[in-house]
Amino acid sequence: MIIEDDPLMIRMYERIFKLNKYDIETAFDGEEGLAKLKSSKDKPSIILLDVMMPKMNGFDVLALLKKDEELKEIPVIILTNLAGKEESEKGIELGAVSYLVKSEHEPKEVVSIVEEIIKKYSKD
């Protein structure tokens, strides 16, 4: 699942993940993302989460995800433009498995990172 408020970013990541045979669910803000996650029978293997979004920022979403018994085990990668050390430490403290700055990673790299994390966290 990708929770991101920038339609261009959503389309770009949706396209690259679909090319790599992934099913993608999207949400354009934190509230929509949480609502979709809570109402879905099939939980995603991983969540890509932006920080700067309307209605509810990514840190608040992450904190709520990690308190939810049904959602807390889903690995979350923060994918943002916030490059500060404080922000990355906060994301990891709140439970993200990785903190990626969009401008520092090509979409192909993000797919590779996601694949590695999914392998690490899969229950097989």
PDB file of N, CA and C in Angstrom:
ATOM      1  N   MET A   1       0.844  -1.172   0.000  1.00  0.00           N
ATOM      2  CA  MET A   1       0.000   0.000   0.000  1.00  0.00           C
ATOM      3  C   MET A   1       0.891   1.238   0.000  1.00  0.00           C
ATOM      4  N   ILE A   2       0.466   2.229  -0.769  1.00  0.00           N
ATOM      5  CA  ILE A   2       1.162   3.511  -0.810  1.00  0.00           C
ATOM      6  C   ILE A   2       0.221   4.581  -0.272  1.00  0.00           C
ATOM      7  N   ILE A   3       0.656   5.273   0.773  1.00  0.00           N
ATOM      8  CA  ILE A   3      -0.116   6.388   1.328  1.00  0.00           C
ATOM      9  C   ILE A   3       0.694   7.648   1.039  1.00  0.00           C
ATOM     10  N   GLU A   4       0.203   8.428   0.091  1.00  0.00           N
ATOM     11  CA  GLU A   4       0.957   9.554  -0.465  1.00  0.00           C
ATOM     12  C   GLU A   4      -0.037  10.566  -1.029  1.00  0.00           C
ATOM     13  N   ASP A   5       0.172  11.855  -0.762  1.00  0.00           N
ATOM     14  CA  ASP A   5      -0.779  12.857  -1.228  1.00  0.00           C
ATOM     15  C   ASP A   5      -0.455  13.434  -2.605  1.00  0.00           C
ATOM     16  N   ASP A   6       0.708  13.129  -3.164  1.00  0.00           N
ATOM     17  CA  ASP A   6       1.094  13.663  -4.470  1.00  0.00           C
ATOM     18  C   ASP A   6       0.675  12.681  -5.569  1.00  0.00           C
ATOM     19  N   PRO A   7      -0.322  13.062  -6.398  1.00  0.00           N
ATOM     20  CA  PRO A   7      -0.812  12.152  -7.442  1.00  0.00           C
ATOM     21  C   PRO A   7       0.282  11.698  -8.413  1.00  0.00           C
ATOM     22  N   LEU A   8       1.244  12.573  -8.696  1.00  0.00           N
ATOM     23  CA  LEU A   8       2.350  12.211  -9.586  1.00  0.00           C
ATOM     24  C   LEU A   8       3.203  11.105  -8.977  1.00  0.00           C
ATOM     25  N   MET A   9       3.501  11.250  -7.694  1.00  0.00           N
ATOM     26  CA  MET A   9       4.296  10.222  -6.991  1.00  0.00           C
ATOM     27  C   MET A   9       3.532   8.898  -6.954  1.00  0.00           C
ATOM     28  N   ILE A  10       2.250   8.982  -6.652  1.00  0.00           N
ATOM     29  CA  ILE A  10       1.431   7.756  -6.607  1.00  0.00           C
ATOM     30  C   ILE A  10       1.494   7.052  -7.959  1.00  0.00           C
ATOM     31  N   ARG A  11       1.264   7.791  -9.038  1.00  0.00           N
ATOM     32  CA  ARG A  11       1.275   7.169 -10.372  1.00  0.00           C
ATOM     33  C   ARG A  11       2.643   6.567 -10.692  1.00  0.00           C
ATOM     34  N   MET A  12       3.701   7.276 -10.368  1.00  0.00           N
ATOM     35  CA  MET A  12       5.044   6.784 -10.667  1.00  0.00           C
ATOM     36  C   MET A  12       5.330   5.483  -9.908  1.00  0.00           C
ATOM     37  N   TYR A  13       5.062   5.463  -8.608  1.00  0.00           N
ATOM     38  CA  TYR A  13       5.327   4.253  -7.833  1.00  0.00           C
ATOM     39  C   TYR A  13       4.354   3.134  -8.167  1.00  0.00           C
ATOM     40  N   GLU A  14       3.122   3.487  -8.425  1.00  0.00           N
ATOM     41  CA  GLU A  14       2.142   2.477  -8.829  1.00  0.00           C
ATOM     42  C   GLU A  14       2.621   1.785 -10.110  1.00  0.00           C
ATOM     43  N   ARG A  15       3.077   2.563 -11.062  1.00  0.00           N
ATOM     44  CA  ARG A  15       3.541   2.011 -12.348  1.00  0.00           C
ATOM     45  C   ARG A  15       4.745   1.090 -12.142  1.00  0.00           C
ATOM     46  N   ILE A  16       5.744   1.528 -11.409  1.00  0.00           N
ATOM     47  CA  ILE A  16       6.957   0.717 -11.241  1.00  0.00           C
ATOM     48  C   ILE A  16       6.660  -0.561 -10.459  1.00  0.00           C
ATOM     49  N   PHE A  17       5.787  -0.490  -9.464  1.00  0.00           N
ATOM     50  CA  PHE A  17       5.456  -1.708  -8.715  1.00  0.00           C
ATOM     51  C   PHE A  17       4.619  -2.666  -9.553  1.00  0.00           C
ATOM     52  N   LYS A  18       3.686  -2.152 -10.341  1.00  0.00           N
ATOM     53  CA  LYS A  18       2.882  -3.023 -11.214  1.00  0.00           C
ATOM     54  C   LYS A  18       3.758  -3.689 -12.269  1.00  0.00           C
ATOM     55  N   LEU A  19       4.753  -2.959 -12.796  1.00  0.00           N
ATOM     56  CA  LEU A  19       5.702  -3.559 -13.743  1.00  0.00           C
ATOM     57  C   LEU A  19       6.469  -4.709 -13.100  1.00  0.00           C
ATOM     58  N   ASN A  20       6.627  -4.643 -11.789  1.00  0.00           N
ATOM     59  CA  ASN A  20       7.315  -5.693 -11.045  1.00  0.00           C
ATOM     60  C   ASN A  20       6.344  -6.693 -10.419  1.00  0.00           C
ATOM     61  N   LYS A  21       5.130  -6.728 -10.959  1.00  0.00           N
ATOM     62  CA  LYS A  21       4.110  -7.739 -10.596  1.00  0.00           C
ATOM     63  C   LYS A  21       3.549  -7.606  -9.185  1.00  0.00           C
ATOM     64  N   TYR A  22       3.481  -6.382  -8.671  1.00  0.00           N
ATOM     65  CA  TYR A  22       2.876  -6.155  -7.363  1.00  0.00           C
ATOM     66  C   TYR A  22       1.480  -5.578  -7.534  1.00  0.00           C
ATOM     67  N   ASP A  23       0.564  -5.999  -6.672  1.00  0.00           N
ATOM     68  CA  ASP A  23      -0.755  -5.368  -6.590  1.00  0.00           C
ATOM     69  C   ASP A  23      -0.601  -4.194  -5.646  1.00  0.00           C
ATOM     70  N   ILE A  24      -1.128  -3.051  -6.045  1.00  0.00           N
ATOM     71  CA  ILE A  24      -0.951  -1.825  -5.267  1.00  0.00           C
ATOM     72  C   ILE A  24      -2.298  -1.251  -4.867  1.00  0.00           C
ATOM     73  N   GLU A  25      -2.400  -0.900  -3.619  1.00  0.00           N
ATOM     74  CA  GLU A  25      -3.541  -0.140  -3.095  1.00  0.00           C
ATOM     75  C   GLU A  25      -2.988   1.231  -2.761  1.00  0.00           C
ATOM     76  N   THR A  26      -3.767   2.278  -3.014  1.00  0.00           N
ATOM     77  CA  THR A  26      -3.282   3.625  -2.733  1.00  0.00           C
ATOM     78  C   THR A  26      -4.274   4.392  -1.867  1.00  0.00           C
ATOM     79  N   ALA A  27      -3.735   5.385  -1.180  1.00  0.00           N
ATOM     80  CA  ALA A  27      -4.548   6.323  -0.405  1.00  0.00           C
ATOM     81  C   ALA A  27      -3.864   7.682  -0.503  1.00  0.00           C
ATOM     82  N   PHE A  28      -4.670   8.741  -0.578  1.00  0.00           N
ATOM     83  CA  PHE A  28      -4.131  10.077  -0.797  1.00  0.00           C
ATOM     84  C   PHE A  28      -3.916  10.890   0.482  1.00  0.00           C
ATOM     85  N   ASP A  29      -4.249  10.332   1.625  1.00  0.00           N
ATOM     86  CA  ASP A  29      -3.925  10.977   2.897  1.00  0.00           C
ATOM     87  C   ASP A  29      -3.978   9.932   4.002  1.00  0.00           C
ATOM     88  N   GLY A  30      -3.523  10.315   5.177  1.00  0.00           N
ATOM     89  CA  GLY A  30      -3.438   9.375   6.284  1.00  0.00           C
ATOM     90  C   GLY A  30      -4.770   8.801   6.723  1.00  0.00           C
ATOM     91  N   GLU A  31      -5.791   9.657   6.758  1.00  0.00           N
ATOM     92  CA  GLU A  31      -7.114   9.166   7.177  1.00  0.00           C
ATOM     93  C   GLU A  31      -7.640   8.108   6.216  1.00  0.00           C
ATOM     94  N   GLU A  32      -7.527   8.376   4.916  1.00  0.00           N
ATOM     95  CA  GLU A  32      -7.988   7.411   3.917  1.00  0.00           C
ATOM     96  C   GLU A  32      -7.186   6.114   4.023  1.00  0.00           C
ATOM     97  N   GLY A  33      -5.884   6.245   4.210  1.00  0.00           N
ATOM     98  CA  GLY A  33      -5.042   5.058   4.341  1.00  0.00           C
ATOM     99  C   GLY A  33      -5.436   4.186   5.513  1.00  0.00           C
ATOM    100  N   LEU A  34      -5.626   4.794   6.665  1.00  0.00           N
ATOM    101  CA  LEU A  34      -6.043   4.029   7.847  1.00  0.00           C
ATOM    102  C   LEU A  34      -7.406   3.389   7.642  1.00  0.00           C
ATOM    103  N   ALA A  35      -8.335   4.125   7.058  1.00  0.00           N
ATOM    104  CA  ALA A  35      -9.680   3.583   6.813  1.00  0.00           C
ATOM    105  C   ALA A  35      -9.605   2.366   5.887  1.00  0.00           C
ATOM    106  N   LYS A  36      -8.832   2.465   4.821  1.00  0.00           N
ATOM    107  CA  LYS A  36      -8.700   1.334   3.891  1.00  0.00           C
ATOM    108  C   LYS A  36      -8.038   0.139   4.570  1.00  0.00           C
ATOM    109  N   LEU A  37      -7.006   0.395   5.354  1.00  0.00           N
ATOM    110  CA  LEU A  37      -6.317  -0.698   6.036  1.00  0.00           C
ATOM    111  C   LEU A  37      -7.230  -1.407   7.024  1.00  0.00           C
ATOM    112  N   LYS A  38      -7.995  -0.639   7.782  1.00  0.00           N
ATOM    113  CA  LYS A  38      -8.875  -1.233   8.794  1.00  0.00           C
ATOM    114  C   LYS A  38     -10.036  -2.003   8.177  1.00  0.00           C
ATOM    115  N   SER A  39     -10.503  -1.565   7.013  1.00  0.00           N
ATOM    116  CA  SER A  39     -11.673  -2.208   6.406  1.00  0.00           C
ATOM    117  C   SER A  39     -11.311  -3.367   5.471  1.00  0.00           C
ATOM    118  N   SER A  40     -10.052  -3.510   5.139  1.00  0.00           N
ATOM    119  CA  SER A  40      -9.628  -4.533   4.187  1.00  0.00           C
ATOM    120  C   SER A  40      -9.391  -5.876   4.875  1.00  0.00           C
ATOM    121  N   LYS A  41      -9.910  -6.936   4.251  1.00  0.00           N
ATOM    122  CA  LYS A  41      -9.643  -8.288   4.761  1.00  0.00           C
ATOM    123  C   LYS A  41      -8.184  -8.658   4.515  1.00  0.00           C
ATOM    124  N   ASP A  42      -7.701  -8.333   3.315  1.00  0.00           N
ATOM    125  CA  ASP A  42      -6.330  -8.663   2.934  1.00  0.00           C
ATOM    126  C   ASP A  42      -5.407  -7.510   3.286  1.00  0.00           C
ATOM    127  N   LYS A  43      -4.543  -7.750   4.231  1.00  0.00           N
ATOM    128  CA  LYS A  43      -3.614  -6.711   4.663  1.00  0.00           C
ATOM    129  C   LYS A  43      -2.422  -6.678   3.708  1.00  0.00           C
ATOM    130  N   PRO A  44      -1.867  -5.510   3.461  1.00  0.00           N
ATOM    131  CA  PRO A  44      -0.721  -5.425   2.546  1.00  0.00           C
ATOM    132  C   PRO A  44       0.533  -6.043   3.159  1.00  0.00           C
ATOM    133  N   SER A  45       1.466  -6.427   2.293  1.00  0.00           N
ATOM    134  CA  SER A  45       2.745  -6.975   2.748  1.00  0.00           C
ATOM    135  C   SER A  45       3.620  -5.881   3.334  1.00  0.00           C
ATOM    136  N   ILE A  46       3.397  -4.644   2.863  1.00  0.00           N
ATOM    137  CA  ILE A  46       4.228  -3.519   3.279  1.00  0.00           C
ATOM    138  C   ILE A  46       3.474  -2.219   2.998  1.00  0.00           C
ATOM    139  N   ILE A  47       3.819  -1.174   3.723  1.00  0.00           N
ATOM    140  CA  ILE A  47       3.208   0.143   3.521  1.00  0.00           C
ATOM    141  C   ILE A  47       4.313   1.148   3.239  1.00  0.00           C
ATOM    142  N   LEU A  48       4.155   1.904   2.161  1.00  0.00           N
ATOM    143  CA  LEU A  48       5.022   3.043   1.878  1.00  0.00           C
ATOM    144  C   LEU A  48       4.251   4.271   2.326  1.00  0.00           C
ATOM    145  N   LEU A  49       4.835   5.047   3.213  1.00  0.00           N
ATOM    146  CA  LEU A  49       4.110   6.116   3.884  1.00  0.00           C
ATOM    147  C   LEU A  49       4.843   7.448   3.763  1.00  0.00           C
ATOM    148  N   ASP A  50       4.156   8.435   3.197  1.00  0.00           N
ATOM    149  CA  ASP A  50       4.694   9.793   3.133  1.00  0.00           C
ATOM    150  C   ASP A  50       4.494  10.441   4.506  1.00  0.00           C
ATOM    151  N   VAL A  51       5.258  11.494   4.797  1.00  0.00           N
ATOM    152  CA  VAL A  51       5.107  12.195   6.073  1.00  0.00           C
ATOM    153  C   VAL A  51       4.212  13.412   5.921  1.00  0.00           C
ATOM    154  N   MET A  52       4.536  14.282   4.990  1.00  0.00           N
ATOM    155  CA  MET A  52       3.806  15.542   4.831  1.00  0.00           C
ATOM    156  C   MET A  52       2.540  15.323   3.994  1.00  0.00           C
ATOM    157  N   MET A  53       1.402  15.198   4.685  1.00  0.00           N
ATOM    158  CA  MET A  53       0.118  14.974   4.014  1.00  0.00           C
ATOM    159  C   MET A  53      -0.962  15.784   4.711  1.00  0.00           C
ATOM    160  N   PRO A  54      -2.036  16.095   3.974  1.00  0.00           N
ATOM    161  CA  PRO A  54      -3.162  16.789   4.612  1.00  0.00           C
ATOM    162  C   PRO A  54      -3.920  15.844   5.552  1.00  0.00           C
ATOM    163  N   LYS A  55      -4.726  16.410   6.399  1.00  0.00           N
ATOM    164  CA  LYS A  55      -5.598  15.700   7.352  1.00  0.00           C
ATOM    165  C   LYS A  55      -4.835  15.021   8.479  1.00  0.00           C
ATOM    166  N   MET A  56      -3.855  14.167   8.125  1.00  0.00           N
ATOM    167  CA  MET A  56      -3.091  13.445   9.147  1.00  0.00           C
ATOM    168  C   MET A  56      -1.706  13.147   8.585  1.00  0.00           C
ATOM    169  N   ASN A  57      -0.665  13.585   9.287  1.00  0.00           N
ATOM    170  CA  ASN A  57       0.682  13.342   8.749  1.00  0.00           C
ATOM    171  C   ASN A  57       1.119  11.893   8.962  1.00  0.00           C
ATOM    172  N   GLY A  58       2.179  11.521   8.270  1.00  0.00           N
ATOM    173  CA  GLY A  58       2.649  10.143   8.301  1.00  0.00           C
ATOM    174  C   GLY A  58       3.097   9.660   9.667  1.00  0.00           C
ATOM    175  N   PHE A  59       3.673  10.555  10.472  1.00  0.00           N
ATOM    176  CA  PHE A  59       4.082  10.138  11.818  1.00  0.00           C
ATOM    177  C   PHE A  59       2.867   9.761  12.657  1.00  0.00           C
ATOM    178  N   ASP A  60       1.793  10.528  12.544  1.00  0.00           N
ATOM    179  CA  ASP A  60       0.565  10.201  13.286  1.00  0.00           C
ATOM    180  C   ASP A  60      -0.024   8.881  12.795  1.00  0.00           C
ATOM    181  N   VAL A  61      -0.015   8.688  11.472  1.00  0.00           N
ATOM    182  CA  VAL A  61      -0.514   7.429  10.899  1.00  0.00           C
ATOM    183  C   VAL A  61       0.312   6.258  11.433  1.00  0.00           C
ATOM    184  N   LEU A  62       1.630   6.397  11.408  1.00  0.00           N
ATOM    185  CA  LEU A  62       2.515   5.337  11.866  1.00  0.00           C
ATOM    186  C   LEU A  62       2.259   5.000  13.337  1.00  0.00           C
ATOM    187  N   ALA A  63       2.107   6.018  14.158  1.00  0.00           N
ATOM    188  CA  ALA A  63       1.842   5.790  15.583  1.00  0.00           C
ATOM    189  C   ALA A  63       0.544   5.006  15.766  1.00  0.00           C
ATOM    190  N   LEU A  64      -0.496   5.358  15.016  1.00  0.00           N
ATOM    191  CA  LEU A  64      -1.772   4.649  15.115  1.00  0.00           C
ATOM    192  C   LEU A  64      -1.670   3.220  14.580  1.00  0.00           C
ATOM    193  N   LEU A  65      -0.921   3.033  13.498  1.00  0.00           N
ATOM    194  CA  LEU A  65      -0.727   1.684  12.953  1.00  0.00           C
ATOM    195  C   LEU A  65      -0.078   0.766  13.986  1.00  0.00           C
ATOM    196  N   LYS A  66       0.929   1.271  14.656  1.00  0.00           N
ATOM    197  CA  LYS A  66       1.682   0.441  15.597  1.00  0.00           C
ATOM    198  C   LYS A  66       0.913   0.150  16.880  1.00  0.00           C
ATOM    199  N   LYS A  67      -0.176   0.890  17.130  1.00  0.00           N
ATOM    200  CA  LYS A  67      -1.034   0.625  18.297  1.00  0.00           C
ATOM    201  C   LYS A  67      -2.172  -0.327  17.953  1.00  0.00           C
ATOM    202  N   ASP A  68      -2.387  -0.581  16.664  1.00  0.00           N
ATOM    203  CA  ASP A  68      -3.507  -1.408  16.209  1.00  0.00           C
ATOM    204  C   ASP A  68      -3.071  -2.877  16.127  1.00  0.00           C
ATOM    205  N   GLU A  69      -3.750  -3.737  16.870  1.00  0.00           N
ATOM    206  CA  GLU A  69      -3.389  -5.162  16.928  1.00  0.00           C
ATOM    207  C   GLU A  69      -3.371  -5.823  15.550  1.00  0.00           C
ATOM    208  N   GLU A  70      -4.297  -5.452  14.667  1.00  0.00           N
ATOM    209  CA  GLU A  70      -4.378  -6.082  13.349  1.00  0.00           C
ATOM    210  C   GLU A  70      -3.371  -5.514  12.353  1.00  0.00           C
ATOM    211  N   LEU A  71      -2.847  -4.339  12.610  1.00  0.00           N
ATOM    212  CA  LEU A  71      -1.995  -3.665  11.628  1.00  0.00           C
ATOM    213  C   LEU A  71      -0.544  -3.496  12.065  1.00  0.00           C
ATOM    214  N   LYS A  72      -0.265  -3.680  13.334  1.00  0.00           N
ATOM    215  CA  LYS A  72       1.054  -3.322  13.859  1.00  0.00           C
ATOM    216  C   LYS A  72       2.208  -4.138  13.291  1.00  0.00           C
ATOM    217  N   GLU A  73       1.932  -5.338  12.794  1.00  0.00           N
ATOM    218  CA  GLU A  73       3.005  -6.195  12.266  1.00  0.00           C
ATOM    219  C   GLU A  73       3.375  -5.871  10.819  1.00  0.00           C
ATOM    220  N   ILE A  74       2.586  -5.048  10.143  1.00  0.00           N
ATOM    221  CA  ILE A  74       2.893  -4.707   8.750  1.00  0.00           C
ATOM    222  C   ILE A  74       4.108  -3.777   8.728  1.00  0.00           C
ATOM    223  N   PRO A  75       5.172  -4.167   8.009  1.00  0.00           N
ATOM    224  CA  PRO A  75       6.331  -3.277   7.946  1.00  0.00           C
ATOM    225  C   PRO A  75       5.985  -1.980   7.208  1.00  0.00           C
ATOM    226  N   VAL A  76       6.503  -0.875   7.720  1.00  0.00           N
ATOM    227  CA  VAL A  76       6.242   0.445   7.142  1.00  0.00           C
ATOM    228  C   VAL A  76       7.569   1.084   6.745  1.00  0.00           C
ATOM    229  N   ILE A  77       7.626   1.540   5.488  1.00  0.00           N
ATOM    230  CA  ILE A  77       8.763   2.324   5.019  1.00  0.00           C
ATOM    231  C   ILE A  77       8.280   3.755   4.888  1.00  0.00           C
ATOM    232  N   ILE A  78       8.958   4.662   5.540  1.00  0.00           N
ATOM    233  CA  ILE A  78       8.639   6.075   5.338  1.00  0.00           C
ATOM    234  C   ILE A  78       9.367   6.511   4.074  1.00  0.00           C
ATOM    235  N   LEU A  79       8.616   7.055   3.140  1.00  0.00           N
ATOM    236  CA  LEU A  79       9.139   7.523   1.857  1.00  0.00           C
ATOM    237  C   LEU A  79       8.740   8.984   1.736  1.00  0.00           C
ATOM    238  N   THR A  80       9.693   9.881   1.950  1.00  0.00           N
ATOM    239  CA  THR A  80       9.366  11.287   2.118  1.00  0.00           C
ATOM    240  C   THR A  80      10.433  12.190   1.515  1.00  0.00           C
ATOM    241  N   ASN A  81      10.149  13.468   1.479  1.00  0.00           N
ATOM    242  CA  ASN A  81      11.149  14.457   1.087  1.00  0.00           C
ATOM    243  C   ASN A  81      11.838  15.077   2.295  1.00  0.00           C
ATOM    244  N   LEU A  82      11.389  14.744   3.495  1.00  0.00           N
ATOM    245  CA  LEU A  82      12.013  15.275   4.708  1.00  0.00           C
ATOM    246  C   LEU A  82      13.331  14.550   4.955  1.00  0.00           C
ATOM    247  N   ALA A  83      14.429  15.284   4.803  1.00  0.00           N
ATOM    248  CA  ALA A  83      15.744  14.645   4.865  1.00  0.00           C
ATOM    249  C   ALA A  83      16.456  14.838   6.200  1.00  0.00           C
ATOM    250  N   GLY A  84      15.802  15.421   7.180  1.00  0.00           N
ATOM    251  CA  GLY A  84      16.464  15.705   8.451  1.00  0.00           C
ATOM    252  C   GLY A  84      16.711  14.478   9.305  1.00  0.00           C
ATOM    253  N   LYS A  85      17.778  14.546  10.087  1.00  0.00           N
ATOM    254  CA  LYS A  85      18.138  13.454  10.997  1.00  0.00           C
ATOM    255  C   LYS A  85      17.056  13.253  12.061  1.00  0.00           C
ATOM    256  N   GLU A  86      16.502  14.358  12.576  1.00  0.00           N
ATOM    257  CA  GLU A  86      15.456  14.248  13.598  1.00  0.00           C
ATOM    258  C   GLU A  86      14.239  13.505  13.075  1.00  0.00           C
ATOM    259  N   GLU A  87      13.841  13.831  11.826  1.00  0.00           N
ATOM    260  CA  GLU A  87      12.668  13.182  11.242  1.00  0.00           C
ATOM    261  C   GLU A  87      12.912  11.690  11.056  1.00  0.00           C
ATOM    262  N   SER A  88      14.113  11.336  10.536  1.00  0.00           N
ATOM    263  CA  SER A  88      14.375   9.910  10.311  1.00  0.00           C
ATOM    264  C   SER A  88      14.427   9.144  11.639  1.00  0.00           C
ATOM    265  N   GLU A  89      15.029   9.762  12.657  1.00  0.00           N
ATOM    266  CA  GLU A  89      15.058   9.110  13.973  1.00  0.00           C
ATOM    267  C   GLU A  89      13.649   8.943  14.532  1.00  0.00           C
ATOM    268  N   LYS A  90      12.815   9.962  14.356  1.00  0.00           N
ATOM    269  CA  LYS A  90      11.435   9.878  14.840  1.00  0.00           C
ATOM    270  C   LYS A  90      10.684   8.751  14.135  1.00  0.00           C
ATOM    271  N   GLY A  91      10.858   8.639  12.806  1.00  0.00           N
ATOM    272  CA  GLY A  91      10.192   7.575  12.051  1.00  0.00           C
ATOM    273  C   GLY A  91      10.589   6.193  12.530  1.00  0.00           C
ATOM    274  N   ILE A  92      11.879   5.989  12.747  1.00  0.00           N
ATOM    275  CA  ILE A  92      12.364   4.689  13.212  1.00  0.00           C
ATOM    276  C   ILE A  92      11.887   4.428  14.642  1.00  0.00           C
ATOM    277  N   GLU A  93      11.921   5.460  15.485  1.00  0.00           N
ATOM    278  CA  GLU A  93      11.426   5.340  16.864  1.00  0.00           C
ATOM    279  C   GLU A  93       9.958   4.920  16.905  1.00  0.00           C
ATOM    280  N   LEU A  94       9.174   5.459  15.986  1.00  0.00           N
ATOM    281  CA  LEU A  94       7.743   5.146  15.943  1.00  0.00           C
ATOM    282  C   LEU A  94       7.463   3.758  15.364  1.00  0.00           C
ATOM    283  N   GLY A  95       8.479   3.131  14.781  1.00  0.00           N
ATOM    284  CA  GLY A  95       8.294   1.756  14.318  1.00  0.00           C
ATOM    285  C   GLY A  95       8.494   1.505  12.841  1.00  0.00           C
ATOM    286  N   ALA A  96       8.903   2.511  12.069  1.00  0.00           N
ATOM    287  CA  ALA A  96       9.175   2.266  10.655  1.00  0.00           C
ATOM    288  C   ALA A  96      10.399   1.358  10.532  1.00  0.00           C
ATOM    289  N   VAL A  97      10.401   0.491   9.520  1.00  0.00           N
ATOM    290  CA  VAL A  97      11.545  -0.398   9.313  1.00  0.00           C
ATOM    291  C   VAL A  97      12.628   0.289   8.483  1.00  0.00           C
ATOM    292  N   SER A  98      12.252   1.354   7.773  1.00  0.00           N
ATOM    293  CA  SER A  98      13.207   2.091   6.969  1.00  0.00           C
ATOM    294  C   SER A  98      12.685   3.502   6.741  1.00  0.00           C
ATOM    295  N   TYR A  99      13.610   4.427   6.499  1.00  0.00           N
ATOM    296  CA  TYR A  99      13.269   5.825   6.251  1.00  0.00           C
ATOM    297  C   TYR A  99      14.008   6.230   4.984  1.00  0.00           C
ATOM    298  N   LEU A 100      13.278   6.427   3.896  1.00  0.00           N
ATOM    299  CA  LEU A 100      13.885   6.755   2.613  1.00  0.00           C
ATOM    300  C   LEU A 100      13.506   8.165   2.183  1.00  0.00           C
ATOM    301  N   VAL A 101      14.503   8.918   1.728  1.00  0.00           N
ATOM    302  CA  VAL A 101      14.254  10.247   1.177  1.00  0.00           C
ATOM    303  C   VAL A 101      14.066  10.077  -0.332  1.00  0.00           C
ATOM    304  N   LYS A 102      12.916  10.514  -0.833  1.00  0.00           N
ATOM    305  CA  LYS A 102      12.550  10.300  -2.236  1.00  0.00           C
ATOM    306  C   LYS A 102      13.644  10.725  -3.204  1.00  0.00           C
ATOM    307  N   SER A 103      14.218  11.897  -2.977  1.00  0.00           N
ATOM    308  CA  SER A 103      15.208  12.436  -3.915  1.00  0.00           C
ATOM    309  C   SER A 103      16.514  11.643  -3.923  1.00  0.00           C
ATOM    310  N   GLU A 104      16.711  10.782  -2.944  1.00  0.00           N
ATOM    311  CA  GLU A 104      17.952  10.010  -2.851  1.00  0.00           C
ATOM    312  C   GLU A 104      17.837   8.604  -3.432  1.00  0.00           C
ATOM    313  N   HIS A 105      16.632   8.231  -3.903  1.00  0.00           N
ATOM    314  CA  HIS A 105      16.421   6.868  -4.397  1.00  0.00           C
ATOM    315  C   HIS A 105      15.601   6.873  -5.675  1.00  0.00           C
ATOM    316  N   GLU A 106      16.095   6.179  -6.680  1.00  0.00           N
ATOM    317  CA  GLU A 106      15.333   5.956  -7.905  1.00  0.00           C
ATOM    318  C   GLU A 106      14.180   5.000  -7.562  1.00  0.00           C
ATOM    319  N   PRO A 107      13.054   5.111  -8.267  1.00  0.00           N
ATOM    320  CA  PRO A 107      11.955   4.171  -8.009  1.00  0.00           C
ATOM    321  C   PRO A 107      12.372   2.703  -8.073  1.00  0.00           C
ATOM    322  N   LYS A 108      13.281   2.350  -8.999  1.00  0.00           N
ATOM    323  CA  LYS A 108      13.764   0.962  -9.080  1.00  0.00           C
ATOM    324  C   LYS A 108      14.434   0.534  -7.782  1.00  0.00           C
ATOM    325  N   GLU A 109      15.199   1.448  -7.182  1.00  0.00           N
ATOM    326  CA  GLU A 109      15.861   1.147  -5.917  1.00  0.00           C
ATOM    327  C   GLU A 109      14.833   0.909  -4.820  1.00  0.00           C
ATOM    328  N   VAL A 110      13.786   1.720  -4.824  1.00  0.00           N
ATOM    329  CA  VAL A 110      12.734   1.576  -3.815  1.00  0.00           C
ATOM    330  C   VAL A 110      12.095   0.193  -3.940  1.00  0.00           C
ATOM    331  N   VAL A 111      11.858  -0.257  -5.179  1.00  0.00           N
ATOM    332  CA  VAL A 111      11.293  -1.596  -5.388  1.00  0.00           C
ATOM    333  C   VAL A 111      12.226  -2.657  -4.801  1.00  0.00           C
ATOM    334  N   SER A 112      13.515  -2.529  -5.042  1.00  0.00           N
ATOM    335  CA  SER A 112      14.483  -3.498  -4.503  1.00  0.00           C
ATOM    336  C   SER A 112      14.484  -3.506  -2.979  1.00  0.00           C
ATOM    337  N   ILE A 113      14.429  -2.328  -2.390  1.00  0.00           N
ATOM    338  CA  ILE A 113      14.396  -2.219  -0.925  1.00  0.00           C
ATOM    339  C   ILE A 113      13.121  -2.866  -0.383  1.00  0.00           C
ATOM    340  N   VAL A 114      12.002  -2.592  -1.030  1.00  0.00           N
ATOM    341  CA  VAL A 114      10.723  -3.182  -0.625  1.00  0.00           C
ATOM    342  C   VAL A 114      10.801  -4.704  -0.710  1.00  0.00           C
ATOM    343  N   GLU A 115      11.358  -5.224  -1.792  1.00  0.00           N
ATOM    344  CA  GLU A 115      11.469  -6.685  -1.954  1.00  0.00           C
ATOM    345  C   GLU A 115      12.295  -7.307  -0.826  1.00  0.00           C
ATOM    346  N   GLU A 116      13.402  -6.666  -0.474  1.00  0.00           N
ATOM    347  CA  GLU A 116      14.245  -7.175   0.616  1.00  0.00           C
ATOM    348  C   GLU A 116      13.489  -7.174   1.947  1.00  0.00           C
ATOM    349  N   ILE A 117      12.779  -6.104   2.208  1.00  0.00           N
ATOM    350  CA  ILE A 117      12.041  -6.010   3.472  1.00  0.00           C
ATOM    351  C   ILE A 117      10.900  -7.019   3.514  1.00  0.00           C
ATOM    352  N   ILE A 118      10.210  -7.200   2.403  1.00  0.00           N
ATOM    353  CA  ILE A 118       9.127  -8.195   2.360  1.00  0.00           C
ATOM    354  C   ILE A 118       9.697  -9.590   2.640  1.00  0.00           C
ATOM    355  N   LYS A 119      10.832  -9.909   2.027  1.00  0.00           N
ATOM    356  CA  LYS A 119      11.470 -11.225   2.280  1.00  0.00           C
ATOM    357  C   LYS A 119      11.799 -11.377   3.767  1.00  0.00           C
ATOM    358  N   LYS A 120      12.361 -10.334   4.339  1.00  0.00           N
ATOM    359  CA  LYS A 120      12.764 -10.372   5.755  1.00  0.00           C
ATOM    360  C   LYS A 120      11.570 -10.556   6.695  1.00  0.00           C
ATOM    361  N   TYR A 121      10.434  -9.932   6.360  1.00  0.00           N
ATOM    362  CA  TYR A 121       9.283  -9.952   7.260  1.00  0.00           C
ATOM    363  C   TYR A 121       8.224 -10.974   6.899  1.00  0.00           C
ATOM    364  N   SER A 122       8.396 -11.690   5.785  1.00  0.00           N
ATOM    365  CA  SER A 122       7.364 -12.682   5.417  1.00  0.00           C
ATOM    366  C   SER A 122       7.385 -13.822   6.423  1.00  0.00           C
ATOM    367  N   LYS A 123       6.237 -14.399   6.633  1.00  0.00           N
ATOM    368  CA  LYS A 123       6.066 -15.404   7.696  1.00  0.00           C
ATOM    369  C   LYS A 123       6.316 -16.840   7.211  1.00  0.00           C
ATOM    370  N   ASP A 124       6.968 -16.987   6.059  1.00  0.00           N
ATOM    371  CA  ASP A 124       7.179 -18.348   5.543  1.00  0.00           C
ATOM    372  C   ASP A 124       8.266 -19.055   6.306  1.00  0.00           C
TER     373      ASP A 124
END
